[in-house]
């Protein structure tokens, strides 16, 4: 079955359908990486009263996009530029893309290293 066929037959208000290469994922709407980031932020907030946390998430597929809506900064490869990050940006979150010529893992390591050096 292709992802498009599943999308046409399933109730998309209840599930998300992702295709990553040859794999197809069907997950309940409430079971995604964005929910995990939100729960982590809530836990950090309850444990770190008075101290603010900065949550940086990185994702390289459509399966990871829900993290952009919850993390303070979302790092993404240039290949995902065509995805809709409007919700994340309207919420004041930053979405940063690697250069097309740069390995995504190198981009993530460089960015996180720069943040750590500034602290």
PDB file of N, CA and C in Angstrom:
ATOM      1  N   UNK A   1       0.832  -1.187   0.000  1.00  0.00           N
ATOM      2  CA  UNK A   1       0.000   0.000   0.000  1.00  0.00           C
ATOM      3  C   UNK A   1       0.873   1.247   0.000  1.00  0.00           C
ATOM      4  N   UNK A   2       0.494   2.240  -0.735  1.00  0.00           N
ATOM      5  CA  UNK A   2       1.235   3.495  -0.725  1.00  0.00           C
ATOM      6  C   UNK A   2       0.632   4.440   0.305  1.00  0.00           C
ATOM      7  N   UNK A   3       1.408   5.430   0.685  1.00  0.00           N
ATOM      8  CA  UNK A   3       0.928   6.411   1.657  1.00  0.00           C
ATOM      9  C   UNK A   3      -0.288   7.158   1.120  1.00  0.00           C
ATOM     10  N   UNK A   4      -0.294   7.483  -0.170  1.00  0.00           N
ATOM     11  CA  UNK A   4      -1.432   8.205  -0.745  1.00  0.00           C
ATOM     12  C   UNK A   4      -2.713   7.384  -0.669  1.00  0.00           C
ATOM     13  N   UNK A   5      -2.617   6.092  -0.927  1.00  0.00           N
ATOM     14  CA  UNK A   5      -3.794   5.227  -0.837  1.00  0.00           C
ATOM     15  C   UNK A   5      -4.310   5.177   0.589  1.00  0.00           C
ATOM     16  N   UNK A   6      -3.407   5.041   1.545  1.00  0.00           N
ATOM     17  CA  UNK A   6      -3.826   5.034   2.948  1.00  0.00           C
ATOM     18  C   UNK A   6      -4.471   6.359   3.335  1.00  0.00           C
ATOM     19  N   UNK A   7      -3.881   7.470   2.898  1.00  0.00           N
ATOM     20  CA  UNK A   7      -4.467   8.786   3.212  1.00  0.00           C
ATOM     21  C   UNK A   7      -5.879   8.915   2.658  1.00  0.00           C
ATOM     22  N   UNK A   8      -6.127   8.330   1.509  1.00  0.00           N
ATOM     23  CA  UNK A   8      -7.455   8.433   0.903  1.00  0.00           C
ATOM     24  C   UNK A   8      -8.487   7.555   1.608  1.00  0.00           C
ATOM     25  N   UNK A   9      -8.034   6.551   2.336  1.00  0.00           N
ATOM     26  CA  UNK A   9      -8.963   5.606   2.963  1.00  0.00           C
ATOM     27  C   UNK A   9      -9.088   5.750   4.474  1.00  0.00           C
ATOM     28  N   UNK A  10      -8.199   6.481   5.087  1.00  0.00           N
ATOM     29  CA  UNK A  10      -8.203   6.622   6.541  1.00  0.00           C
ATOM     30  C   UNK A  10      -8.747   7.980   6.966  1.00  0.00           C
ATOM     31  N   UNK A  11      -9.220   8.058   8.186  1.00  0.00           N
ATOM     32  CA  UNK A  11      -9.701   9.315   8.752  1.00  0.00           C
ATOM     33  C   UNK A  11      -8.483  10.103   9.243  1.00  0.00           C
ATOM     34  N   UNK A  12      -8.067  11.095   8.462  1.00  0.00           N
ATOM     35  CA  UNK A  12      -6.852  11.850   8.769  1.00  0.00           C
ATOM     36  C   UNK A  12      -7.021  12.810   9.943  1.00  0.00           C
ATOM     37  N   UNK A  13      -8.220  12.913  10.484  1.00  0.00           N
ATOM     38  CA  UNK A  13      -8.385  13.682  11.711  1.00  0.00           C
ATOM     39  C   UNK A  13      -7.958  12.844  12.919  1.00  0.00           C
ATOM     40  N   UNK A  14      -7.815  11.526  12.719  1.00  0.00           N
ATOM     41  CA  UNK A  14      -7.428  10.624  13.798  1.00  0.00           C
ATOM     42  C   UNK A  14      -5.989  10.125  13.693  1.00  0.00           C
ATOM     43  N   UNK A  15      -5.475  10.020  12.467  1.00  0.00           N
ATOM     44  CA  UNK A  15      -4.143   9.447  12.269  1.00  0.00           C
ATOM     45  C   UNK A  15      -3.314  10.311  11.322  1.00  0.00           C
ATOM     46  N   UNK A  16      -1.989  10.158  11.440  1.00  0.00           N
ATOM     47  CA  UNK A  16      -1.047  10.748  10.493  1.00  0.00           C
ATOM     48  C   UNK A  16      -0.445   9.614   9.675  1.00  0.00           C
ATOM     49  N   UNK A  17      -0.225   9.881   8.398  1.00  0.00           N
ATOM     50  CA  UNK A  17       0.403   8.899   7.518  1.00  0.00           C
ATOM     51  C   UNK A  17       1.691   9.522   6.990  1.00  0.00           C
ATOM     52  N   UNK A  18       2.803   8.825   7.203  1.00  0.00           N
ATOM     53  CA  UNK A  18       4.109   9.300   6.751  1.00  0.00           C
ATOM     54  C   UNK A  18       4.757   8.238   5.880  1.00  0.00           C
ATOM     55  N   UNK A  19       5.492   8.695   4.905  1.00  0.00           N
ATOM     56  CA  UNK A  19       6.293   7.772   4.116  1.00  0.00           C
ATOM     57  C   UNK A  19       7.726   8.258   4.147  1.00  0.00           C
ATOM     58  N   UNK A  20       8.622   7.374   4.513  1.00  0.00           N
ATOM     59  CA  UNK A  20      10.036   7.688   4.585  1.00  0.00           C
ATOM     60  C   UNK A  20      10.769   6.615   3.793  1.00  0.00           C
ATOM     61  N   UNK A  21      11.072   6.921   2.561  1.00  0.00           N
ATOM     62  CA  UNK A  21      11.660   5.912   1.692  1.00  0.00           C
ATOM     63  C   UNK A  21      10.622   4.857   1.377  1.00  0.00           C
ATOM     64  N   UNK A  22      10.930   3.597   1.661  1.00  0.00           N
ATOM     65  CA  UNK A  22       9.982   2.513   1.375  1.00  0.00           C
ATOM     66  C   UNK A  22       9.063   2.226   2.551  1.00  0.00           C
ATOM     67  N   UNK A  23       9.339   2.826   3.701  1.00  0.00           N
ATOM     68  CA  UNK A  23       8.521   2.581   4.893  1.00  0.00           C
ATOM     69  C   UNK A  23       7.347   3.540   4.940  1.00  0.00           C
ATOM     70  N   UNK A  24       6.193   3.017   5.367  1.00  0.00           N
ATOM     71  CA  UNK A  24       4.999   3.828   5.551  1.00  0.00           C
ATOM     72  C   UNK A  24       4.566   3.675   7.004  1.00  0.00           C
ATOM     73  N   UNK A  25       4.306   4.809   7.658  1.00  0.00           N
ATOM     74  CA  UNK A  25       3.900   4.816   9.056  1.00  0.00           C
ATOM     75  C   UNK A  25       2.480   5.364   9.168  1.00  0.00           C
ATOM     76  N   UNK A  26       1.658   4.723   9.996  1.00  0.00           N
ATOM     77  CA  UNK A  26       0.339   5.225  10.342  1.00  0.00           C
ATOM     78  C   UNK A  26       0.304   5.283  11.863  1.00  0.00           C
ATOM     79  N   UNK A  27       0.154   6.504  12.385  1.00  0.00           N
ATOM     80  CA  UNK A  27       0.194   6.706  13.835  1.00  0.00           C
ATOM     81  C   UNK A  27      -0.988   7.541  14.295  1.00  0.00           C
ATOM     82  N   UNK A  28      -1.498   7.257  15.496  1.00  0.00           N
ATOM     83  CA  UNK A  28      -2.540   8.128  16.050  1.00  0.00           C
ATOM     84  C   UNK A  28      -2.008   9.555  16.166  1.00  0.00           C
ATOM     85  N   UNK A  29      -2.872  10.543  15.970  1.00  0.00           N
ATOM     86  CA  UNK A  29      -2.463  11.955  16.006  1.00  0.00           C
ATOM     87  C   UNK A  29      -1.715  12.313  17.291  1.00  0.00           C
ATOM     88  N   UNK A  30      -2.103  11.724  18.395  1.00  0.00           N
ATOM     89  CA  UNK A  30      -1.501  12.089  19.683  1.00  0.00           C
ATOM     90  C   UNK A  30      -0.208  11.329  19.976  1.00  0.00           C
ATOM     91  N   UNK A  31       0.225  10.479  19.056  1.00  0.00           N
ATOM     92  CA  UNK A  31       1.468   9.745  19.248  1.00  0.00           C
ATOM     93  C   UNK A  31       2.465  10.233  18.210  1.00  0.00           C
ATOM     94  N   UNK A  32       3.181  11.306  18.579  1.00  0.00           N
ATOM     95  CA  UNK A  32       4.168  11.862  17.651  1.00  0.00           C
ATOM     96  C   UNK A  32       5.309  12.480  18.452  1.00  0.00           C
ATOM     97  N   UNK A  33       6.353  12.837  17.764  1.00  0.00           N
ATOM     98  CA  UNK A  33       7.541  13.373  18.421  1.00  0.00           C
ATOM     99  C   UNK A  33       7.276  14.750  19.028  1.00  0.00           C
ATOM    100  N   UNK A  34       6.355  15.499  18.458  1.00  0.00           N
ATOM    101  CA  UNK A  34       5.997  16.788  19.021  1.00  0.00           C
ATOM    102  C   UNK A  34       5.399  16.646  20.415  1.00  0.00           C
ATOM    103  N   UNK A  35       4.545  15.643  20.597  1.00  0.00           N
ATOM    104  CA  UNK A  35       3.969  15.385  21.928  1.00  0.00           C
ATOM    105  C   UNK A  35       5.064  15.018  22.923  1.00  0.00           C
ATOM    106  N   UNK A  36       6.043  14.260  22.476  1.00  0.00           N
ATOM    107  CA  UNK A  36       7.155  13.889  23.358  1.00  0.00           C
ATOM    108  C   UNK A  36       7.957  15.126  23.774  1.00  0.00           C
ATOM    109  N   UNK A  37       8.196  16.040  22.832  1.00  0.00           N
ATOM    110  CA  UNK A  37       8.924  17.273  23.156  1.00  0.00           C
ATOM    111  C   UNK A  37       8.106  18.119  24.135  1.00  0.00           C
ATOM    112  N   UNK A  38       6.797  18.231  23.907  1.00  0.00           N
ATOM    113  CA  UNK A  38       5.939  19.003  24.813  1.00  0.00           C
ATOM    114  C   UNK A  38       5.986  18.431  26.225  1.00  0.00           C
ATOM    115  N   UNK A  39       5.905  17.114  26.354  1.00  0.00           N
ATOM    116  CA  UNK A  39       5.956  16.481  27.675  1.00  0.00           C
ATOM    117  C   UNK A  39       7.304  16.718  28.344  1.00  0.00           C
ATOM    118  N   UNK A  40       8.387  16.653  27.563  1.00  0.00           N
ATOM    119  CA  UNK A  40       9.709  16.901  28.120  1.00  0.00           C
ATOM    120  C   UNK A  40       9.822  18.339  28.625  1.00  0.00           C
ATOM    121  N   UNK A  41       9.289  19.304  27.839  1.00  0.00           N
ATOM    122  CA  UNK A  41       9.333  20.707  28.257  1.00  0.00           C
ATOM    123  C   UNK A  41       8.541  20.916  29.546  1.00  0.00           C
ATOM    124  N   UNK A  42       7.385  20.261  29.671  1.00  0.00           N
ATOM    125  CA  UNK A  42       6.581  20.377  30.883  1.00  0.00           C
ATOM    126  C   UNK A  42       7.340  19.821  32.090  1.00  0.00           C
ATOM    127  N   UNK A  43       8.006  18.691  31.883  1.00  0.00           N
ATOM    128  CA  UNK A  43       8.786  18.085  32.973  1.00  0.00           C
ATOM    129  C   UNK A  43       9.949  18.989  33.370  1.00  0.00           C
ATOM    130  N   UNK A  44      10.646  19.530  32.389  1.00  0.00           N
ATOM    131  CA  UNK A  44      11.751  20.441  32.685  1.00  0.00           C
ATOM    132  C   UNK A  44      11.250  21.671  33.434  1.00  0.00           C
ATOM    133  N   UNK A  45      10.117  22.208  33.016  1.00  0.00           N
ATOM    134  CA  UNK A  45       9.573  23.410  33.663  1.00  0.00           C
ATOM    135  C   UNK A  45       9.217  23.133  35.121  1.00  0.00           C
ATOM    136  N   UNK A  46       8.670  21.956  35.396  1.00  0.00           N
ATOM    137  CA  UNK A  46       8.279  21.649  36.773  1.00  0.00           C
ATOM    138  C   UNK A  46       9.499  21.385  37.655  1.00  0.00           C
ATOM    139  N   UNK A  47      10.587  20.910  37.075  1.00  0.00           N
ATOM    140  CA  UNK A  47      11.790  20.610  37.847  1.00  0.00           C
ATOM    141  C   UNK A  47      12.728  21.796  37.983  1.00  0.00           C
ATOM    142  N   UNK A  48      12.634  22.754  37.077  1.00  0.00           N
ATOM    143  CA  UNK A  48      13.615  23.847  37.034  1.00  0.00           C
ATOM    144  C   UNK A  48      12.933  25.187  37.280  1.00  0.00           C
ATOM    145  N   UNK A  49      12.239  25.307  38.358  1.00  0.00           N
ATOM    146  CA  UNK A  49      11.548  26.552  38.638  1.00  0.00           C
ATOM    147  C   UNK A  49      12.540  27.711  38.656  1.00  0.00           C
ATOM    148  N   UNK A  50      12.200  28.746  37.912  1.00  0.00           N
ATOM    149  CA  UNK A  50      13.029  29.930  37.840  1.00  0.00           C
ATOM    150  C   UNK A  50      14.110  29.878  36.785  1.00  0.00           C
ATOM    151  N   UNK A  51      14.367  28.726  36.209  1.00  0.00           N
ATOM    152  CA  UNK A  51      15.388  28.604  35.155  1.00  0.00           C
ATOM    153  C   UNK A  51      14.706  28.206  33.861  1.00  0.00           C
ATOM    154  N   UNK A  52      15.046  28.890  32.816  1.00  0.00           N
ATOM    155  CA  UNK A  52      14.426  28.625  31.523  1.00  0.00           C
ATOM    156  C   UNK A  52      15.264  27.624  30.733  1.00  0.00           C
ATOM    157  N   UNK A  53      14.606  26.704  30.063  1.00  0.00           N
ATOM    158  CA  UNK A  53      15.287  25.719  29.232  1.00  0.00           C
ATOM    159  C   UNK A  53      15.119  26.081  27.765  1.00  0.00           C
ATOM    160  N   UNK A  54      16.127  25.792  26.991  1.00  0.00           N
ATOM    161  CA  UNK A  54      16.083  25.970  25.544  1.00  0.00           C
ATOM    162  C   UNK A  54      16.053  24.578  24.926  1.00  0.00           C
ATOM    163  N   UNK A  55      14.999  24.278  24.190  1.00  0.00           N
ATOM    164  CA  UNK A  55      14.864  22.962  23.582  1.00  0.00           C
ATOM    165  C   UNK A  55      15.167  23.064  22.092  1.00  0.00           C
ATOM    166  N   UNK A  56      16.209  22.332  21.687  1.00  0.00           N
ATOM    167  CA  UNK A  56      16.608  22.267  20.286  1.00  0.00           C
ATOM    168  C   UNK A  56      16.308  20.858  19.799  1.00  0.00           C
ATOM    169  N   UNK A  57      15.569  20.756  18.709  1.00  0.00           N
ATOM    170  CA  UNK A  57      15.260  19.452  18.120  1.00  0.00           C
ATOM    171  C   UNK A  57      15.776  19.439  16.686  1.00  0.00           C
ATOM    172  N   UNK A  58      16.127  18.258  16.226  1.00  0.00           N
ATOM    173  CA  UNK A  58      16.607  18.105  14.855  1.00  0.00           C
ATOM    174  C   UNK A  58      15.869  16.935  14.225  1.00  0.00           C
ATOM    175  N   UNK A  59      15.459  17.128  12.984  1.00  0.00           N
ATOM    176  CA  UNK A  59      14.760  16.063  12.291  1.00  0.00           C
ATOM    177  C   UNK A  59      15.010  16.114  10.807  1.00  0.00           C
ATOM    178  N   UNK A  60      15.063  14.942  10.200  1.00  0.00           N
ATOM    179  CA  UNK A  60      15.395  14.881   8.781  1.00  0.00           C
ATOM    180  C   UNK A  60      14.310  14.254   7.916  1.00  0.00           C
ATOM    181  N   UNK A  61      13.112  14.074   8.488  1.00  0.00           N
ATOM    182  CA  UNK A  61      12.031  13.496   7.683  1.00  0.00           C
ATOM    183  C   UNK A  61      10.695  14.095   8.096  1.00  0.00           C
ATOM    184  N   UNK A  62       9.684  13.801   7.319  1.00  0.00           N
ATOM    185  CA  UNK A  62       8.321  14.277   7.599  1.00  0.00           C
ATOM    186  C   UNK A  62       7.851  13.777   8.963  1.00  0.00           C
ATOM    187  N   UNK A  63       8.328  12.632   9.372  1.00  0.00           N
ATOM    188  CA  UNK A  63       7.985  12.026  10.654  1.00  0.00           C
ATOM    189  C   UNK A  63       8.413  12.914  11.825  1.00  0.00           C
ATOM    190  N   UNK A  64       9.397  13.770  11.612  1.00  0.00           N
ATOM    191  CA  UNK A  64       9.965  14.614  12.664  1.00  0.00           C
ATOM    192  C   UNK A  64       9.362  16.023  12.722  1.00  0.00           C
ATOM    193  N   UNK A  65       8.528  16.371  11.774  1.00  0.00           N
ATOM    194  CA  UNK A  65       8.061  17.758  11.658  1.00  0.00           C
ATOM    195  C   UNK A  65       7.252  18.246  12.852  1.00  0.00           C
ATOM    196  N   UNK A  66       6.554  17.358  13.551  1.00  0.00           N
ATOM    197  CA  UNK A  66       5.765  17.807  14.705  1.00  0.00           C
ATOM    198  C   UNK A  66       6.654  18.408  15.801  1.00  0.00           C
ATOM    199  N   UNK A  67       7.931  18.048  15.815  1.00  0.00           N
ATOM    200  CA  UNK A  67       8.847  18.628  16.803  1.00  0.00           C
ATOM    201  C   UNK A  67       9.055  20.116  16.552  1.00  0.00           C
ATOM    202  N   UNK A  68       8.949  20.539  15.298  1.00  0.00           N
ATOM    203  CA  UNK A  68       9.147  21.962  14.971  1.00  0.00           C
ATOM    204  C   UNK A  68       8.104  22.833  15.655  1.00  0.00           C
ATOM    205  N   UNK A  69       6.917  22.276  15.890  1.00  0.00           N
ATOM    206  CA  UNK A  69       5.848  23.041  16.535  1.00  0.00           C
ATOM    207  C   UNK A  69       6.034  23.166  18.041  1.00  0.00           C
ATOM    208  N   UNK A  70       6.933  22.379  18.621  1.00  0.00           N
ATOM    209  CA  UNK A  70       7.108  22.359  20.075  1.00  0.00           C
ATOM    210  C   UNK A  70       8.481  22.817  20.542  1.00  0.00           C
ATOM    211  N   UNK A  71       9.520  22.514  19.780  1.00  0.00           N
ATOM    212  CA  UNK A  71      10.879  22.898  20.187  1.00  0.00           C
ATOM    213  C   UNK A  71      11.068  24.400  20.003  1.00  0.00           C
ATOM    214  N   UNK A  72      11.971  24.976  20.764  1.00  0.00           N
ATOM    215  CA  UNK A  72      12.273  26.395  20.593  1.00  0.00           C
ATOM    216  C   UNK A  72      12.996  26.630  19.273  1.00  0.00           C
ATOM    217  N   UNK A  73      13.869  25.692  18.937  1.00  0.00           N
ATOM    218  CA  UNK A  73      14.620  25.761  17.681  1.00  0.00           C
ATOM    219  C   UNK A  73      14.561  24.388  17.024  1.00  0.00           C
ATOM    220  N   UNK A  74      14.221  24.353  15.754  1.00  0.00           N
ATOM    221  CA  UNK A  74      14.178  23.095  15.006  1.00  0.00           C
ATOM    222  C   UNK A  74      15.192  23.163  13.883  1.00  0.00           C
ATOM    223  N   UNK A  75      16.069  22.177  13.845  1.00  0.00           N
ATOM    224  CA  UNK A  75      17.101  22.098  12.819  1.00  0.00           C
ATOM    225  C   UNK A  75      16.658  21.079  11.772  1.00  0.00           C
ATOM    226  N   UNK A  76      16.796  21.465  10.509  1.00  0.00           N
ATOM    227  CA  UNK A  76      16.281  20.628   9.435  1.00  0.00           C
ATOM    228  C   UNK A  76      17.227  20.657   8.235  1.00  0.00           C
ATOM    229  N   UNK A  77      17.297  19.559   7.498  1.00  0.00           N
ATOM    230  CA  UNK A  77      18.102  19.598   6.272  1.00  0.00           C
ATOM    231  C   UNK A  77      17.400  20.439   5.210  1.00  0.00           C
ATOM    232  N   UNK A  78      18.161  20.961   4.283  1.00  0.00           N
ATOM    233  CA  UNK A  78      17.589  21.815   3.235  1.00  0.00           C
ATOM    234  C   UNK A  78      16.523  21.086   2.423  1.00  0.00           C
ATOM    235  N   UNK A  79      16.587  19.760   2.370  1.00  0.00           N
ATOM    236  CA  UNK A  79      15.610  18.980   1.600  1.00  0.00           C
ATOM    237  C   UNK A  79      14.181  19.135   2.134  1.00  0.00           C
ATOM    238  N   UNK A  80      14.025  19.559   3.375  1.00  0.00           N
ATOM    239  CA  UNK A  80      12.683  19.723   3.952  1.00  0.00           C
ATOM    240  C   UNK A  80      12.156  21.152   3.829  1.00  0.00           C
ATOM    241  N   UNK A  81      12.851  22.009   3.117  1.00  0.00           N
ATOM    242  CA  UNK A  81      12.400  23.401   2.986  1.00  0.00           C
ATOM    243  C   UNK A  81      11.008  23.513   2.389  1.00  0.00           C
ATOM    244  N   UNK A  82      10.611  22.548   1.584  1.00  0.00           N
ATOM    245  CA  UNK A  82       9.298  22.618   0.944  1.00  0.00           C
ATOM    246  C   UNK A  82       8.156  22.262   1.894  1.00  0.00           C
ATOM    247  N   UNK A  83       8.471  21.787   3.100  1.00  0.00           N
ATOM    248  CA  UNK A  83       7.439  21.452   4.079  1.00  0.00           C
ATOM    249  C   UNK A  83       6.843  22.737   4.665  1.00  0.00           C
ATOM    250  N   UNK A  84       5.678  22.615   5.245  1.00  0.00           N
ATOM    251  CA  UNK A  84       4.970  23.762   5.805  1.00  0.00           C
ATOM    252  C   UNK A  84       5.359  23.954   7.279  1.00  0.00           C
ATOM    253  N   UNK A  85       6.188  24.950   7.540  1.00  0.00           N
ATOM    254  CA  UNK A  85       6.606  25.268   8.902  1.00  0.00           C
ATOM    255  C   UNK A  85       5.880  26.517   9.417  1.00  0.00           C
ATOM    256  N   UNK A  86       4.801  26.905   8.765  1.00  0.00           N
ATOM    257  CA  UNK A  86       4.084  28.128   9.121  1.00  0.00           C
ATOM    258  C   UNK A  86       3.637  28.118  10.586  1.00  0.00           C
ATOM    259  N   UNK A  87       3.072  26.995  11.061  1.00  0.00           N
ATOM    260  CA  UNK A  87       2.581  26.928  12.443  1.00  0.00           C
ATOM    261  C   UNK A  87       3.716  27.171  13.435  1.00  0.00           C
ATOM    262  N   UNK A  88       4.848  26.542  13.207  1.00  0.00           N
ATOM    263  CA  UNK A  88       5.988  26.719  14.108  1.00  0.00           C
ATOM    264  C   UNK A  88       6.460  28.167  14.097  1.00  0.00           C
ATOM    265  N   UNK A  89       6.577  28.746  12.928  1.00  0.00           N
ATOM    266  CA  UNK A  89       7.074  30.126  12.821  1.00  0.00           C
ATOM    267  C   UNK A  89       6.099  31.121  13.423  1.00  0.00           C
ATOM    268  N   UNK A  90       4.799  30.884  13.245  1.00  0.00           N
ATOM    269  CA  UNK A  90       3.794  31.777  13.834  1.00  0.00           C
ATOM    270  C   UNK A  90       3.809  31.697  15.354  1.00  0.00           C
ATOM    271  N   UNK A  91       4.285  30.590  15.900  1.00  0.00           N
ATOM    272  CA  UNK A  91       4.370  30.414  17.350  1.00  0.00           C
ATOM    273  C   UNK A  91       5.655  30.987  17.930  1.00  0.00           C
ATOM    274  N   UNK A  92       6.474  31.601  17.075  1.00  0.00           N
ATOM    275  CA  UNK A  92       7.710  32.205  17.540  1.00  0.00           C
ATOM    276  C   UNK A  92       8.883  31.248  17.607  1.00  0.00           C
ATOM    277  N   UNK A  93       8.724  30.069  17.049  1.00  0.00           N
ATOM    278  CA  UNK A  93       9.823  29.115  17.036  1.00  0.00           C
ATOM    279  C   UNK A  93      10.731  29.384  15.846  1.00  0.00           C
ATOM    280  N   UNK A  94      11.989  28.992  15.985  1.00  0.00           N
ATOM    281  CA  UNK A  94      12.948  29.157  14.902  1.00  0.00           C
ATOM    282  C   UNK A  94      13.071  27.844  14.145  1.00  0.00           C
ATOM    283  N   UNK A  95      13.072  27.917  12.831  1.00  0.00           N
ATOM    284  CA  UNK A  95      13.358  26.750  11.990  1.00  0.00           C
ATOM    285  C   UNK A  95      14.579  27.115  11.160  1.00  0.00           C
ATOM    286  N   UNK A  96      15.648  26.354  11.335  1.00  0.00           N
ATOM    287  CA  UNK A  96      16.901  26.627  10.641  1.00  0.00           C
ATOM    288  C   UNK A  96      17.242  25.451   9.730  1.00  0.00           C
ATOM    289  N   UNK A  97      17.728  25.764   8.529  1.00  0.00           N
ATOM    290  CA  UNK A  97      18.033  24.740   7.540  1.00  0.00           C
ATOM    291  C   UNK A  97      19.535  24.671   7.281  1.00  0.00           C
ATOM    292  N   UNK A  98      20.010  23.462   7.055  1.00  0.00           N
ATOM    293  CA  UNK A  98      21.408  23.285   6.673  1.00  0.00           C
ATOM    294  C   UNK A  98      21.581  23.765   5.238  1.00  0.00           C
ATOM    295  N   UNK A  99      22.826  24.058   4.887  1.00  0.00           N
ATOM    296  CA  UNK A  99      23.124  24.391   3.494  1.00  0.00           C
ATOM    297  C   UNK A  99      22.992  23.114   2.668  1.00  0.00           C
ATOM    298  N   UNK A 100      22.643  23.259   1.402  1.00  0.00           N
ATOM    299  CA  UNK A 100      22.460  22.082   0.546  1.00  0.00           C
ATOM    300  C   UNK A 100      23.727  21.250   0.435  1.00  0.00           C
ATOM    301  N   UNK A 101      24.881  21.904   0.515  1.00  0.00           N
ATOM    302  CA  UNK A 101      26.154  21.194   0.349  1.00  0.00           C
ATOM    303  C   UNK A 101      26.678  20.600   1.664  1.00  0.00           C
ATOM    304  N   UNK A 102      25.995  20.853   2.772  1.00  0.00           N
ATOM    305  CA  UNK A 102      26.476  20.443   4.088  1.00  0.00           C
ATOM    306  C   UNK A 102      25.768  19.172   4.558  1.00  0.00           C
ATOM    307  N   UNK A 103      26.515  18.269   5.152  1.00  0.00           N
ATOM    308  CA  UNK A 103      25.897  17.099   5.767  1.00  0.00           C
ATOM    309  C   UNK A 103      25.027  17.572   6.929  1.00  0.00           C
ATOM    310  N   UNK A 104      23.841  17.017   7.032  1.00  0.00           N
ATOM    311  CA  UNK A 104      22.920  17.442   8.073  1.00  0.00           C
ATOM    312  C   UNK A 104      23.518  17.211   9.461  1.00  0.00           C
ATOM    313  N   UNK A 105      24.158  16.081   9.665  1.00  0.00           N
ATOM    314  CA  UNK A 105      24.755  15.797  10.976  1.00  0.00           C
ATOM    315  C   UNK A 105      25.833  16.821  11.332  1.00  0.00           C
ATOM    316  N   UNK A 106      26.603  17.255  10.361  1.00  0.00           N
ATOM    317  CA  UNK A 106      27.618  18.287  10.611  1.00  0.00           C
ATOM    318  C   UNK A 106      26.964  19.610  11.005  1.00  0.00           C
ATOM    319  N   UNK A 107      25.873  19.958  10.332  1.00  0.00           N
ATOM    320  CA  UNK A 107      25.121  21.173  10.639  1.00  0.00           C
ATOM    321  C   UNK A 107      24.614  21.139  12.084  1.00  0.00           C
ATOM    322  N   UNK A 108      24.029  20.026  12.497  1.00  0.00           N
ATOM    323  CA  UNK A 108      23.492  19.898  13.854  1.00  0.00           C
ATOM    324  C   UNK A 108      24.616  20.028  14.879  1.00  0.00           C
ATOM    325  N   UNK A 109      25.693  19.310  14.671  1.00  0.00           N
ATOM    326  CA  UNK A 109      26.814  19.374  15.616  1.00  0.00           C
ATOM    327  C   UNK A 109      27.407  20.772  15.705  1.00  0.00           C
ATOM    328  N   UNK A 110      27.563  21.430  14.575  1.00  0.00           N
ATOM    329  CA  UNK A 110      28.120  22.787  14.563  1.00  0.00           C
ATOM    330  C   UNK A 110      27.199  23.750  15.303  1.00  0.00           C
ATOM    331  N   UNK A 111      25.904  23.672  15.047  1.00  0.00           N
ATOM    332  CA  UNK A 111      24.955  24.591  15.680  1.00  0.00           C
ATOM    333  C   UNK A 111      24.919  24.384  17.201  1.00  0.00           C
ATOM    334  N   UNK A 112      24.814  23.153  17.628  1.00  0.00           N
ATOM    335  CA  UNK A 112      24.752  22.872  19.072  1.00  0.00           C
ATOM    336  C   UNK A 112      26.069  23.273  19.745  1.00  0.00           C
ATOM    337  N   UNK A 113      27.183  23.030  19.100  1.00  0.00           N
ATOM    338  CA  UNK A 113      28.489  23.447  19.646  1.00  0.00           C
ATOM    339  C   UNK A 113      28.545  24.956  19.835  1.00  0.00           C
ATOM    340  N   UNK A 114      28.038  25.705  18.866  1.00  0.00           N
ATOM    341  CA  UNK A 114      28.024  27.174  18.954  1.00  0.00           C
ATOM    342  C   UNK A 114      27.158  27.632  20.131  1.00  0.00           C
ATOM    343  N   UNK A 115      26.015  27.009  20.308  1.00  0.00           N
ATOM    344  CA  UNK A 115      25.120  27.363  21.422  1.00  0.00           C
ATOM    345  C   UNK A 115      25.830  27.091  22.753  1.00  0.00           C
ATOM    346  N   UNK A 116      26.483  25.944  22.861  1.00  0.00           N
ATOM    347  CA  UNK A 116      27.178  25.582  24.118  1.00  0.00           C
ATOM    348  C   UNK A 116      28.331  26.548  24.409  1.00  0.00           C
ATOM    349  N   UNK A 117      29.040  26.970  23.386  1.00  0.00           N
ATOM    350  CA  UNK A 117      30.149  27.911  23.593  1.00  0.00           C
ATOM    351  C   UNK A 117      29.651  29.259  24.108  1.00  0.00           C
ATOM    352  N   UNK A 118      28.472  29.663  23.694  1.00  0.00           N
ATOM    353  CA  UNK A 118      27.915  30.961  24.113  1.00  0.00           C
ATOM    354  C   UNK A 118      27.449  30.945  25.558  1.00  0.00           C
ATOM    355  N   UNK A 119      27.193  29.789  26.101  1.00  0.00           N
ATOM    356  CA  UNK A 119      26.659  29.708  27.472  1.00  0.00           C
ATOM    357  C   UNK A 119      27.743  29.808  28.481  1.00  0.00           C
TER     358      UNK A 119
END
